[in-house]
Amino acid sequence: MVWFGARSFWGHIRHFVASAIATEDVDSRDWMSADPPPVLVGRIAERLGGAPGQRSVTESLARDLWIDYLADTGDDVSVSRAVAGLVFRDYQLPDPSRDGQLLTTPRGDILLFGGDTAYPVATADEITARVIEPFNQVLAERDDGRARVLLDIPGNHDWYDGLDGFGRMFRRHLVDGGEQPSGGRNSRTLIDRYTDFAREFVLGGQIDKPKTLDLTGYEPVQSASYFALPIAPGIGVLAVDRQLKNIDSRQQHFFVNWLNQNPGMSPWVVLPDPAYRFGGHSVTGSAMVQSLGLGLTGRPHFVLSGDVHHYRREVEGPSQFVTAGGGGAFLHPAPLRRTGLRPAEVEFPDAPQCRRLLWRVPWKVMLGRSGFLPHYAMLLLFVPAVSVGLRIYERTGVMVSAPIAITVIVTIVYALIGGIRHGQRITLLYALVAAMMTAAVPIAFSLLLDHGLGVAHVHLAPLLLAAISLAVGVLGGAFIFGAYLALLTALGLENTQAFTALDHPGFKHFVRLRVRADGSAVDGWVVGLVDPLGSDARPVLVDTFTWRAR
């Protein structure tokens, strides 16, 4: 999915519409009721073959519990298939209890998704095409017949469709036996889907959707988009849903009551947004933590999240903060400006790797490999200006293109992209310089071309000269736009746009977690692929850590 393409543009529109609808007065979470924690423990125990009536999942199993965590998944289908191949297997990894020894880490009893199941909007169709089908193709080859559990919290891309796709994949089936897991190719294009929708809208009908979206061997067990789960003695999972804005009062009451009833419990908090983002505080993450009344440094907390598409682990006192959004979506960089940032224990990719990738951005944007929306915008900007320039070309010999108007318009747009609304006033200077360069491209080119043609005694019709200047202005403007995005990232002023345009498929990863049966600790191993589409792609061990709950 190219960031400046038509599909992404549609996703942006869905975002604005969904954000407008998702107010405090219209909260789609009102129709959901979270499971009482003992009920959820019982469902998981029954699915995994544990004893009923126990206080936590590990007590019901009488053994360690294995969990695979994956966030920000369905984007490119080939990458999704590679990620599935990475997750659905066992590994020999370093044993945290015995130095120098290896431990067999089996595929998780639970597959926990951390949000943003598919891009740009997690509809049933997109989840099917980008997650269910490629994952089930791998599972068909590696199905071991074991029963496993599926859990999830939604992210913003799941909410753009009002949780319709989420509900079909992750809410428990009220009737035994879902539909057959899908493993074939979904050949319906976006145009096909919109055509079907338009036809049924006119006829007063509706589009049929699958009742469930099933992963082979995995059963969804949750009733709501958030849940609390006693995972082991003294450890409780708080899986939070902030919709598109805030934690709602019903959810806040649910979690705060549970925390008050279990004062000695160490919280494992699963958030749709990280508490710390690119080495700084996250506004949304901090708001969720504050809403739940969590004191992250007072006692051990394990805060796990996706949303940012890289791996980063930070430690603060007894608490671990893990951001692991490498489940398949386009790459986000490590923060490149290190001044004033929180130190990270591990980053994947690291800053030097990201700097090497960053300078590909202007060329990729210029060549249209990130989509053609910047080119269309430049075309709309330059066509009226160049048409005016045609009328004065014979008098001046310069293809004038209303440089002042273009500079003003581009400066405003670039400053908004750079975050001037959030107090980053320095971006106005960079935006102005980039805008002046953009406006100067067709003028400078026409001067050089006119001079070269004069030296060569060649005459071009003004209309042809205008067309050539327009083409150069569009391509040059797109290059400058890409360079501007890269500059913002290099200076730490904006961390997502440049790498989103780059749409790099690499550095995918997931987290394999072992919850110790006695609740003393959670061990984590992060396994990744530097180049998931490479012919010699091999898993690499990105990080190992242990969070001690007491």
Protein backbone atom coordinates (compact mmCIF):
# COMPACT_ATOMS: atom_id res chain seq x y z
CA MET A 1 0.00 0.00 0.00
CA VAL A 2 1.72 3.19 -1.17
CA TRP A 3 1.30 6.09 1.23
CA PHE A 4 0.54 8.72 -1.42
CA GLY A 5 -1.73 6.47 -3.47
CA ALA A 6 -5.48 6.32 -3.95
CA ARG A 7 -6.03 3.57 -1.34
CA SER A 8 -4.19 5.50 1.33
CA PHE A 9 -6.11 8.64 0.42
CA TRP A 10 -9.34 6.69 0.96
CA GLY A 11 -7.98 5.55 4.31
CA HIS A 12 -7.32 9.17 5.30
CA ILE A 13 -10.90 10.08 4.39
CA ARG A 14 -12.20 7.18 6.50
CA HIS A 15 -10.02 8.44 9.34
CA PHE A 16 -11.54 11.92 9.26
CA VAL A 17 -15.08 10.57 9.01
CA ALA A 18 -14.53 8.06 11.81
CA SER A 19 -12.93 10.72 14.02
CA ALA A 20 -15.91 12.99 13.48
CA ILE A 21 -18.34 10.21 14.41
CA ALA A 22 -16.36 8.88 17.38
CA THR A 23 -17.27 11.58 19.86
CA GLU A 24 -18.00 11.21 23.52
CA ASP A 25 -21.72 11.23 22.66
CA VAL A 26 -21.48 8.43 20.06
CA ASP A 27 -19.19 5.76 21.50
CA SER A 28 -19.34 2.41 19.72
CA ARG A 29 -18.00 0.63 22.82
CA ASP A 30 -21.35 1.10 24.55
CA TRP A 31 -22.75 -2.07 22.96
CA MET A 32 -19.94 -4.20 24.39
CA SER A 33 -19.64 -5.63 27.89
CA ALA A 34 -16.23 -6.90 28.97
CA ASP A 35 -16.01 -10.42 30.33
CA PRO A 36 -15.55 -10.80 34.10
CA PRO A 37 -11.90 -11.84 34.47
CA PRO A 38 -12.70 -15.28 35.98
CA VAL A 39 -14.99 -16.02 33.03
CA LEU A 40 -12.26 -15.16 30.54
CA VAL A 41 -9.77 -17.34 32.45
CA GLY A 42 -12.28 -20.21 32.28
CA ARG A 43 -12.75 -19.88 28.51
CA ILE A 44 -9.00 -19.85 27.87
CA ALA A 45 -8.44 -22.79 30.23
CA GLU A 46 -11.15 -24.80 28.51
CA ARG A 47 -9.65 -24.11 25.07
CA LEU A 48 -6.11 -24.98 26.18
CA GLY A 49 -7.10 -28.08 28.16
CA GLY A 50 -6.56 -26.64 31.63
CA ALA A 51 -8.40 -27.26 34.87
CA PRO A 52 -11.54 -25.19 35.47
CA GLY A 53 -12.16 -22.91 38.43
CA GLN A 54 -8.60 -21.60 38.85
CA ARG A 55 -7.69 -17.98 39.59
CA SER A 56 -5.29 -17.50 36.66
CA VAL A 57 -4.37 -19.06 33.35
CA THR A 58 -1.04 -20.56 34.46
CA GLU A 59 -2.69 -22.05 37.54
CA SER A 60 -5.30 -23.71 35.34
CA LEU A 61 -2.58 -25.12 33.06
CA ALA A 62 -0.12 -25.96 35.89
CA ARG A 63 2.72 -24.90 33.60
CA ASP A 64 4.30 -21.91 31.88
CA LEU A 65 2.12 -20.06 29.37
CA TRP A 66 3.46 -19.07 25.95
CA ILE A 67 2.18 -15.98 24.13
CA ASP A 68 3.04 -14.57 20.70
CA TYR A 69 2.50 -10.80 20.34
CA LEU A 70 2.06 -9.22 16.93
CA ALA A 71 0.93 -5.69 16.05
CA ASP A 72 0.35 -3.57 12.95
CA THR A 73 -0.09 -6.47 10.58
CA GLY A 74 -1.89 -6.68 7.23
CA ASP A 75 -0.30 -4.43 4.64
CA ASP A 76 1.62 -6.11 1.81
CA VAL A 77 0.41 -9.69 1.28
CA SER A 78 3.90 -11.09 0.60
CA VAL A 79 5.23 -9.50 3.77
CA SER A 80 2.25 -10.88 5.72
CA ARG A 81 3.04 -14.37 4.48
CA ALA A 82 6.69 -13.94 5.54
CA VAL A 83 5.63 -12.71 8.98
CA ALA A 84 3.31 -15.71 9.38
CA GLY A 85 6.24 -17.98 8.54
CA LEU A 86 8.26 -16.19 11.20
CA VAL A 87 5.62 -16.55 13.94
CA PHE A 88 4.19 -20.02 13.39
CA ARG A 89 7.23 -22.08 14.35
CA ASP A 90 9.33 -23.12 17.34
CA TYR A 91 12.77 -21.68 18.10
CA GLN A 92 15.87 -22.60 20.07
CA LEU A 93 16.65 -19.39 21.96
CA PRO A 94 18.86 -18.36 24.89
CA ASP A 95 17.59 -19.59 28.23
CA PRO A 96 17.32 -16.63 30.65
CA SER A 97 17.68 -18.98 33.63
CA ARG A 98 20.86 -20.76 32.43
CA ASP A 99 23.72 -18.78 30.94
CA GLY A 100 24.99 -20.18 27.67
CA GLN A 101 22.15 -22.70 27.36
CA LEU A 102 19.36 -22.83 24.78
CA LEU A 103 15.66 -23.26 25.45
CA THR A 104 12.97 -24.57 23.13
CA THR A 105 10.40 -21.78 22.80
CA PRO A 106 7.22 -23.25 21.30
CA ARG A 107 4.61 -21.44 19.25
CA GLY A 108 2.39 -19.53 21.64
CA ASP A 109 -0.70 -20.93 23.31
CA ILE A 110 -2.14 -17.45 22.74
CA LEU A 111 -1.73 -15.22 19.70
CA LEU A 112 -2.21 -11.64 20.88
CA PHE A 113 -2.71 -8.94 18.26
CA GLY A 114 -1.84 -5.41 19.32
CA GLY A 115 -4.07 -3.43 16.95
CA ASP A 116 -4.23 -2.11 13.38
CA THR A 117 -4.99 -5.50 11.90
CA ALA A 118 -5.05 -4.29 8.27
CA TYR A 119 -4.32 -1.14 6.28
CA PRO A 120 -5.55 1.37 5.31
CA VAL A 121 -8.88 0.39 6.92
CA ALA A 122 -9.36 -2.92 8.73
CA THR A 123 -12.54 -3.96 6.94
CA ALA A 124 -13.56 -7.60 6.66
CA ASP A 125 -12.33 -7.64 3.05
CA GLU A 126 -8.94 -6.12 3.86
CA ILE A 127 -8.38 -8.38 6.88
CA THR A 128 -9.28 -11.40 4.77
CA ALA A 129 -6.95 -10.45 1.92
CA ARG A 130 -4.03 -9.15 3.98
CA VAL A 131 -4.08 -11.36 7.12
CA ILE A 132 -6.44 -14.33 7.06
CA GLU A 133 -5.49 -15.71 3.66
CA PRO A 134 -1.67 -15.39 3.87
CA PHE A 135 -1.62 -16.54 7.50
CA ASN A 136 -3.82 -19.55 6.78
CA GLN A 137 -1.65 -20.52 3.82
CA VAL A 138 1.27 -20.88 6.22
CA LEU A 139 -0.86 -22.53 8.91
CA ALA A 140 -2.05 -25.13 6.41
CA GLU A 141 1.55 -26.32 6.17
CA ARG A 142 2.32 -26.06 9.91
CA ASP A 143 -0.93 -27.02 11.61
CA ASP A 144 -0.04 -29.31 14.52
CA GLY A 145 -3.62 -29.93 15.61
CA ARG A 146 -3.25 -28.08 18.91
CA ALA A 147 -5.99 -25.77 20.13
CA ARG A 148 -4.91 -22.16 20.65
CA VAL A 149 -6.46 -18.85 21.67
CA LEU A 150 -6.78 -15.55 19.79
CA LEU A 151 -6.89 -12.19 21.60
CA ASP A 152 -6.72 -8.60 20.38
CA ILE A 153 -7.06 -4.95 21.20
CA PRO A 154 -8.09 -2.64 18.33
CA GLY A 155 -6.05 0.26 16.99
CA ASN A 156 -7.16 3.33 15.10
CA HIS A 157 -7.21 1.55 11.72
CA ASP A 158 -9.58 -1.04 13.20
CA TRP A 159 -11.87 1.73 14.39
CA TYR A 160 -12.07 3.40 10.96
CA ASP A 161 -14.52 0.61 10.07
CA GLY A 162 -16.38 0.82 13.37
CA LEU A 163 -14.80 -2.47 14.58
CA ASP A 164 -16.76 -4.48 12.02
CA GLY A 165 -13.69 -6.41 10.85
CA PHE A 166 -12.43 -6.68 14.43
CA GLY A 167 -15.72 -8.18 15.58
CA ARG A 168 -15.72 -10.84 12.87
CA MET A 169 -12.16 -11.93 13.66
CA PHE A 170 -11.66 -11.42 17.39
CA ARG A 171 -15.00 -11.50 19.22
CA ARG A 172 -15.98 -14.96 20.41
CA HIS A 173 -18.37 -16.93 18.24
CA LEU A 174 -21.78 -17.13 19.85
CA VAL A 175 -22.62 -20.15 17.70
CA ASP A 176 -20.27 -23.13 17.65
CA GLY A 177 -18.42 -23.62 14.41
CA GLY A 178 -17.44 -20.59 12.37
CA GLU A 179 -17.12 -20.53 8.64
CA GLN A 180 -14.32 -22.44 6.97
CA PRO A 181 -10.99 -20.62 7.24
CA SER A 182 -10.20 -18.82 4.04
CA GLY A 183 -7.08 -19.89 2.21
CA GLY A 184 -7.81 -18.99 -1.38
CA ARG A 185 -6.98 -15.86 -3.28
CA ASN A 186 -9.23 -12.84 -2.79
CA SER A 187 -9.47 -11.43 -6.31
CA ARG A 188 -11.97 -8.65 -5.65
CA THR A 189 -10.41 -5.26 -6.28
CA LEU A 190 -11.24 -2.04 -4.50
CA ILE A 191 -13.25 -0.92 -7.53
CA ASP A 192 -15.20 -4.20 -7.46
CA ARG A 193 -16.12 -3.64 -3.82
CA TYR A 194 -17.26 -0.05 -4.34
CA THR A 195 -19.22 -1.09 -7.43
CA ASP A 196 -21.00 -3.77 -5.43
CA PHE A 197 -21.70 -1.30 -2.65
CA ALA A 198 -23.13 1.29 -5.09
CA ARG A 199 -25.34 -1.30 -6.79
CA GLU A 200 -26.75 -2.63 -3.53
CA PHE A 201 -27.25 0.89 -2.21
CA VAL A 202 -29.36 1.81 -5.25
CA LEU A 203 -31.31 -1.46 -5.06
CA GLY A 204 -31.84 -1.22 -1.32
CA GLY A 205 -29.85 -4.38 -0.64
CA GLN A 206 -26.70 -5.08 1.35
CA ILE A 207 -23.28 -6.61 0.83
CA ASP A 208 -22.92 -10.07 2.34
CA LYS A 209 -19.91 -10.43 4.61
CA PRO A 210 -18.46 -13.53 6.25
CA LYS A 211 -19.85 -14.00 9.75
CA THR A 212 -16.41 -14.88 11.07
CA LEU A 213 -12.81 -14.46 9.94
CA ASP A 214 -11.05 -17.59 11.20
CA LEU A 215 -7.39 -18.42 11.68
CA THR A 216 -6.75 -22.14 11.52
CA GLY A 217 -6.38 -23.58 15.04
CA TYR A 218 -7.09 -20.31 16.88
CA GLU A 219 -10.32 -19.50 18.70
CA PRO A 220 -11.35 -15.97 19.74
CA VAL A 221 -12.61 -15.84 23.33
CA GLN A 222 -13.22 -12.18 24.19
CA SER A 223 -16.58 -10.40 24.16
CA ALA A 224 -15.40 -6.78 24.05
CA SER A 225 -12.62 -4.70 22.57
CA TYR A 226 -10.92 -4.56 25.97
CA PHE A 227 -10.39 -7.13 28.69
CA ALA A 228 -8.72 -7.90 32.02
CA LEU A 229 -7.03 -11.26 32.41
CA PRO A 230 -5.35 -12.81 35.47
CA ILE A 231 -2.54 -14.42 33.53
CA ALA A 232 -0.52 -15.82 36.45
CA PRO A 233 -0.41 -15.49 40.25
CA GLY A 234 0.19 -11.79 40.93
CA ILE A 235 0.15 -10.74 37.24
CA GLY A 236 -2.88 -9.23 35.54
CA VAL A 237 -3.19 -8.18 31.90
CA LEU A 238 -5.02 -4.92 31.27
CA ALA A 239 -5.78 -4.77 27.53
CA VAL A 240 -7.02 -1.27 26.76
CA ASP A 241 -9.07 0.25 23.93
CA ARG A 242 -9.04 4.03 23.57
CA GLN A 243 -11.28 4.03 20.48
CA LEU A 244 -10.09 7.02 18.38
CA LYS A 245 -9.88 9.40 21.30
CA ASN A 246 -10.02 8.40 24.96
CA ILE A 247 -10.74 5.56 27.35
CA ASP A 248 -14.48 5.64 28.01
CA SER A 249 -15.93 5.87 31.52
CA ARG A 250 -17.32 2.30 31.47
CA GLN A 251 -13.92 0.86 30.59
CA GLN A 252 -12.15 3.08 33.12
CA HIS A 253 -14.54 1.93 35.85
CA PHE A 254 -13.98 -1.71 34.84
CA PHE A 255 -10.18 -1.53 35.08
CA VAL A 256 -9.93 0.73 38.13
CA ASN A 257 -12.31 -1.50 40.09
CA TRP A 258 -10.32 -4.57 39.18
CA LEU A 259 -7.04 -2.92 40.16
CA ASN A 260 -8.53 -1.84 43.49
CA GLN A 261 -9.72 -5.38 44.15
CA ASN A 262 -6.22 -6.73 43.47
CA PRO A 263 -3.87 -4.21 45.12
CA GLY A 264 -0.84 -6.52 45.16
CA MET A 265 -1.03 -7.37 41.47
CA SER A 266 1.69 -6.31 39.03
CA PRO A 267 0.02 -4.91 35.89
CA TRP A 268 0.91 -6.04 32.39
CA VAL A 269 -0.62 -3.23 30.33
CA VAL A 270 -1.34 -3.73 26.62
CA LEU A 271 -1.97 -0.37 24.95
CA PRO A 272 -2.95 0.55 21.37
CA ASP A 273 -0.40 3.42 21.54
CA PRO A 274 2.94 3.37 23.37
CA ALA A 275 3.46 5.23 26.61
CA TYR A 276 6.69 6.58 25.11
CA ARG A 277 6.86 7.37 21.41
CA PHE A 278 10.12 7.86 19.49
CA GLY A 279 11.97 8.39 22.75
CA GLY A 280 9.56 11.01 24.13
CA HIS A 281 6.26 11.08 25.94
CA SER A 282 3.20 10.03 23.96
CA VAL A 283 0.17 12.27 24.47
CA THR A 284 -2.33 9.45 23.93
CA GLY A 285 -0.27 6.86 25.79
CA SER A 286 0.23 9.14 28.79
CA ALA A 287 -3.51 9.95 28.82
CA MET A 288 -4.39 6.24 28.97
CA VAL A 289 -1.93 5.59 31.78
CA GLN A 290 -3.24 8.59 33.73
CA SER A 291 -6.86 7.55 33.13
CA LEU A 292 -6.17 4.16 34.71
CA GLY A 293 -4.30 5.69 37.63
CA LEU A 294 -1.14 3.68 36.97
CA GLY A 295 2.07 4.72 38.71
CA LEU A 296 4.55 3.22 36.27
CA THR A 297 7.64 3.75 38.41
CA GLY A 298 6.16 2.87 41.81
CA ARG A 299 5.91 -0.89 41.23
CA PRO A 300 6.75 -3.24 38.36
CA HIS A 301 4.73 -2.66 35.18
CA PHE A 302 5.14 -4.30 31.79
CA VAL A 303 3.79 -1.93 29.12
CA LEU A 304 3.45 -3.54 25.68
CA SER A 305 2.23 -1.71 22.58
CA GLY A 306 2.39 -1.42 18.83
CA ASP A 307 1.24 1.50 16.62
CA VAL A 308 4.81 2.67 15.94
CA HIS A 309 6.26 0.32 13.33
CA HIS A 310 9.64 -0.49 14.82
CA TYR A 311 11.00 -2.25 17.90
CA ARG A 312 12.16 -0.26 20.90
CA ARG A 313 12.56 -1.32 24.53
CA GLU A 314 13.03 1.11 27.39
CA VAL A 315 13.50 0.52 31.12
CA GLU A 316 12.40 2.81 33.92
CA GLY A 317 12.97 1.54 37.42
CA PRO A 318 11.28 -1.87 37.80
CA SER A 319 9.15 -1.36 34.66
CA GLN A 320 9.71 -2.41 31.06
CA PHE A 321 8.28 -0.50 28.07
CA VAL A 322 8.20 -2.44 24.81
CA THR A 323 7.04 -0.99 21.49
CA ALA A 324 6.76 -3.77 18.90
CA GLY A 325 4.81 -2.67 15.84
CA GLY A 326 6.69 -4.77 13.31
CA GLY A 327 3.93 -7.19 12.29
CA GLY A 328 3.86 -6.28 8.62
CA ALA A 329 3.15 -2.59 8.05
CA PHE A 330 5.54 -0.04 6.55
CA LEU A 331 8.60 0.80 8.63
CA HIS A 332 8.98 3.67 11.07
CA PRO A 333 12.51 4.78 12.03
CA ALA A 334 14.33 4.89 15.29
CA PRO A 335 14.52 8.52 16.46
CA LEU A 336 17.44 10.12 14.64
CA ARG A 337 17.98 13.21 16.78
CA ARG A 338 19.12 11.79 20.10
CA THR A 339 19.35 14.99 22.18
CA GLY A 340 16.94 14.93 25.10
CA LEU A 341 15.53 11.50 24.30
CA ARG A 342 14.98 8.64 26.70
CA PRO A 343 17.69 6.02 26.17
CA ALA A 344 16.63 2.72 24.63
CA GLU A 345 17.97 -0.67 25.62
CA VAL A 346 17.47 -2.03 22.09
CA GLU A 347 16.22 -0.59 18.78
CA PHE A 348 15.38 -2.43 15.56
CA PRO A 349 16.32 -0.88 13.19
CA ASP A 350 18.87 1.32 14.91
CA ALA A 351 19.64 4.96 14.05
CA PRO A 352 22.56 4.32 11.63
CA GLN A 353 20.46 1.86 9.64
CA CYS A 354 17.62 4.39 9.47
CA ARG A 355 19.90 7.20 8.29
CA ARG A 356 21.07 5.04 5.41
CA LEU A 357 17.47 4.40 4.40
CA LEU A 358 16.32 7.98 4.85
CA TRP A 359 18.07 9.44 1.83
CA ARG A 360 16.17 7.15 -0.52
CA VAL A 361 12.98 9.05 0.25
CA PRO A 362 13.29 12.04 -2.17
CA TRP A 363 14.03 9.77 -5.13
CA LYS A 364 11.21 7.37 -4.32
CA VAL A 365 8.71 10.21 -3.97
CA MET A 366 9.89 11.84 -7.21
CA LEU A 367 9.60 8.60 -9.20
CA GLY A 368 6.06 8.01 -7.98
CA ARG A 369 6.89 4.79 -6.17
CA SER A 370 5.16 6.18 -3.08
CA GLY A 371 2.07 7.13 -5.09
CA PHE A 372 1.26 10.09 -7.29
CA LEU A 373 -0.71 12.35 -4.98
CA PRO A 374 2.27 14.77 -4.61
CA HIS A 375 2.56 14.92 -8.40
CA TYR A 376 -1.15 15.66 -8.80
CA ALA A 377 -0.88 18.38 -6.16
CA MET A 378 2.11 19.94 -7.94
CA LEU A 379 0.29 19.71 -11.24
CA LEU A 380 -2.73 21.55 -9.84
CA LEU A 381 -0.38 24.13 -8.38
CA PHE A 382 1.68 24.74 -11.51
CA VAL A 383 -0.87 24.47 -14.35
CA PRO A 384 -2.65 27.79 -13.64
CA ALA A 385 0.66 29.50 -12.95
CA VAL A 386 2.32 28.24 -16.13
CA SER A 387 -0.72 29.17 -18.21
CA VAL A 388 -0.31 32.74 -16.95
CA GLY A 389 3.39 32.54 -17.74
CA LEU A 390 2.64 31.65 -21.34
CA ARG A 391 1.03 35.04 -21.88
CA ILE A 392 4.11 36.96 -20.78
CA TYR A 393 6.75 34.60 -22.15
CA GLU A 394 7.24 36.53 -25.40
CA ARG A 395 7.99 39.75 -23.51
CA THR A 396 10.30 38.32 -20.82
CA GLY A 397 11.77 35.15 -22.30
CA VAL A 398 11.15 33.47 -18.93
CA MET A 399 8.43 30.95 -18.17
CA VAL A 400 7.16 32.80 -15.09
CA SER A 401 4.94 30.65 -12.84
CA ALA A 402 3.51 32.97 -10.17
CA PRO A 403 6.36 32.22 -7.73
CA ILE A 404 4.99 34.33 -4.87
CA ALA A 405 1.60 32.61 -4.84
CA ILE A 406 3.20 29.16 -5.08
CA THR A 407 5.64 29.97 -2.28
CA VAL A 408 2.86 31.10 0.05
CA ILE A 409 0.66 28.07 -0.62
CA VAL A 410 3.47 25.53 -0.33
CA THR A 411 4.87 27.17 2.81
CA ILE A 412 1.53 26.89 4.58
CA VAL A 413 1.06 23.23 3.59
CA TYR A 414 4.62 22.23 4.49
CA ALA A 415 4.51 24.06 7.83
CA LEU A 416 1.33 22.19 8.75
CA ILE A 417 2.95 18.87 7.78
CA GLY A 418 5.99 19.81 9.86
CA GLY A 419 3.92 20.31 13.01
CA ILE A 420 3.75 24.06 13.40
CA ARG A 421 0.33 23.60 15.05
CA HIS A 422 2.11 21.73 17.85
CA GLY A 423 4.51 24.56 18.58
CA GLN A 424 7.42 23.59 16.31
CA ARG A 425 7.93 27.08 14.87
CA ILE A 426 11.31 26.27 13.37
CA THR A 427 9.51 24.21 10.74
CA LEU A 428 8.18 27.45 9.25
CA LEU A 429 11.71 28.37 8.19
CA TYR A 430 12.35 24.98 6.59
CA ALA A 431 8.93 25.07 4.94
CA LEU A 432 9.64 28.51 3.49
CA VAL A 433 12.99 27.44 2.04
CA ALA A 434 11.46 24.29 0.52
CA ALA A 435 8.56 26.33 -0.90
CA MET A 436 10.91 28.87 -2.49
CA MET A 437 12.92 26.07 -4.06
CA THR A 438 9.72 24.48 -5.37
CA ALA A 439 8.54 27.74 -6.93
CA ALA A 440 11.99 28.37 -8.46
CA VAL A 441 12.30 25.00 -10.24
CA PRO A 442 10.29 25.76 -13.42
CA ILE A 443 11.64 29.30 -13.62
CA ALA A 444 15.27 28.24 -13.29
CA PHE A 445 14.75 25.40 -15.74
CA SER A 446 13.12 27.65 -18.35
CA LEU A 447 16.01 30.12 -18.08
CA LEU A 448 18.58 27.36 -18.53
CA LEU A 449 16.63 25.78 -21.35
CA ASP A 450 16.11 29.10 -23.12
CA HIS A 451 19.80 29.85 -22.82
CA GLY A 452 20.76 26.41 -24.13
CA LEU A 453 18.35 26.66 -27.04
CA GLY A 454 19.73 30.10 -27.90
CA VAL A 455 23.28 28.79 -27.94
CA ALA A 456 22.18 25.89 -30.12
CA HIS A 457 20.06 28.19 -32.34
CA VAL A 458 17.02 26.00 -31.73
CA HIS A 459 13.54 27.41 -31.34
CA LEU A 460 10.74 25.70 -29.41
CA ALA A 461 7.12 26.68 -29.47
CA PRO A 462 6.08 28.41 -26.24
CA LEU A 463 3.45 25.73 -25.60
CA LEU A 464 6.05 22.95 -25.80
CA LEU A 465 8.41 24.92 -23.58
CA ALA A 466 5.61 25.39 -21.06
CA ALA A 467 4.83 21.65 -21.09
CA ILE A 468 8.48 20.74 -20.51
CA SER A 469 8.79 23.33 -17.71
CA LEU A 470 5.59 22.00 -16.15
CA ALA A 471 6.86 18.41 -16.18
CA VAL A 472 10.17 19.44 -14.65
CA GLY A 473 8.34 21.55 -12.05
CA VAL A 474 6.16 18.60 -11.04
CA LEU A 475 9.07 16.15 -10.77
CA GLY A 476 11.33 18.68 -9.09
CA GLY A 477 8.58 19.70 -6.67
CA ALA A 478 7.96 16.06 -5.76
CA PHE A 479 11.70 15.57 -5.12
CA ILE A 480 11.85 18.66 -2.90
CA PHE A 481 8.77 17.47 -1.03
CA GLY A 482 10.46 14.12 -0.35
CA ALA A 483 13.66 15.89 0.72
CA TYR A 484 11.65 18.12 3.07
CA LEU A 485 10.06 15.07 4.73
CA ALA A 486 13.52 13.48 5.07
CA LEU A 487 14.90 16.66 6.64
CA LEU A 488 12.12 16.76 9.22
CA THR A 489 12.89 13.18 10.22
CA ALA A 490 16.65 13.76 10.31
CA LEU A 491 16.13 16.73 12.65
CA GLY A 492 13.65 14.86 14.84
CA LEU A 493 10.81 17.29 14.06
CA GLU A 494 8.53 14.64 12.50
CA ASN A 495 9.15 10.92 12.65
CA THR A 496 6.59 9.16 10.48
CA GLN A 497 5.95 10.81 7.11
CA ALA A 498 9.31 10.18 5.41
CA PHE A 499 9.52 6.49 6.28
CA THR A 500 5.85 5.98 5.56
CA ALA A 501 6.51 7.33 2.06
CA LEU A 502 9.57 5.07 1.85
CA ASP A 503 7.29 2.06 2.53
CA HIS A 504 10.27 -0.13 3.39
CA PRO A 505 9.30 -3.81 3.87
CA GLY A 506 12.12 -4.70 6.23
CA PHE A 507 12.73 -5.11 9.95
CA LYS A 508 9.59 -7.10 10.72
CA HIS A 509 9.35 -8.83 14.10
CA PHE A 510 7.16 -10.36 16.78
CA VAL A 511 7.56 -10.97 20.52
CA ARG A 512 7.49 -14.48 22.00
CA LEU A 513 6.68 -14.37 25.70
CA ARG A 514 6.88 -16.96 28.45
CA VAL A 515 4.75 -16.29 31.52
CA ARG A 516 6.32 -18.30 34.28
CA ALA A 517 3.86 -20.57 36.05
CA ASP A 518 4.52 -19.08 39.47
CA GLY A 519 4.01 -15.51 38.26
CA SER A 520 7.50 -14.42 39.21
CA ALA A 521 8.49 -13.10 35.79
CA VAL A 522 7.73 -12.81 32.07
CA ASP A 523 10.56 -13.66 29.66
CA GLY A 524 10.59 -12.15 26.19
CA TRP A 525 12.38 -12.93 22.96
CA VAL A 526 12.03 -10.69 19.91
CA VAL A 527 12.56 -12.51 16.62
CA GLY A 528 12.78 -10.54 13.39
CA LEU A 529 13.50 -10.49 9.67
CA VAL A 530 15.73 -7.75 8.31
CA ASP A 531 14.54 -8.40 4.74
CA PRO A 532 11.35 -10.50 4.78
CA LEU A 533 11.18 -10.57 0.97
CA GLY A 534 14.80 -11.61 0.43
CA SER A 535 15.54 -15.02 -1.04
CA ASP A 536 17.91 -15.78 1.85
CA ALA A 537 15.79 -14.21 4.62
CA ARG A 538 16.68 -15.75 7.98
CA PRO A 539 15.23 -15.01 11.41
CA VAL A 540 17.45 -12.96 13.71
CA LEU A 541 17.25 -12.62 17.48
CA VAL A 542 16.61 -8.91 18.03
CA ASP A 543 16.32 -8.79 21.81
CA THR A 544 15.85 -10.83 24.97
CA PHE A 545 14.50 -9.47 28.23
CA THR A 546 12.95 -10.52 31.52
CA TRP A 547 10.34 -8.51 33.38
CA ARG A 548 10.28 -9.46 37.04
CA ALA A 549 6.81 -9.02 38.47
CA ARG A 550 8.02 -9.14 42.05
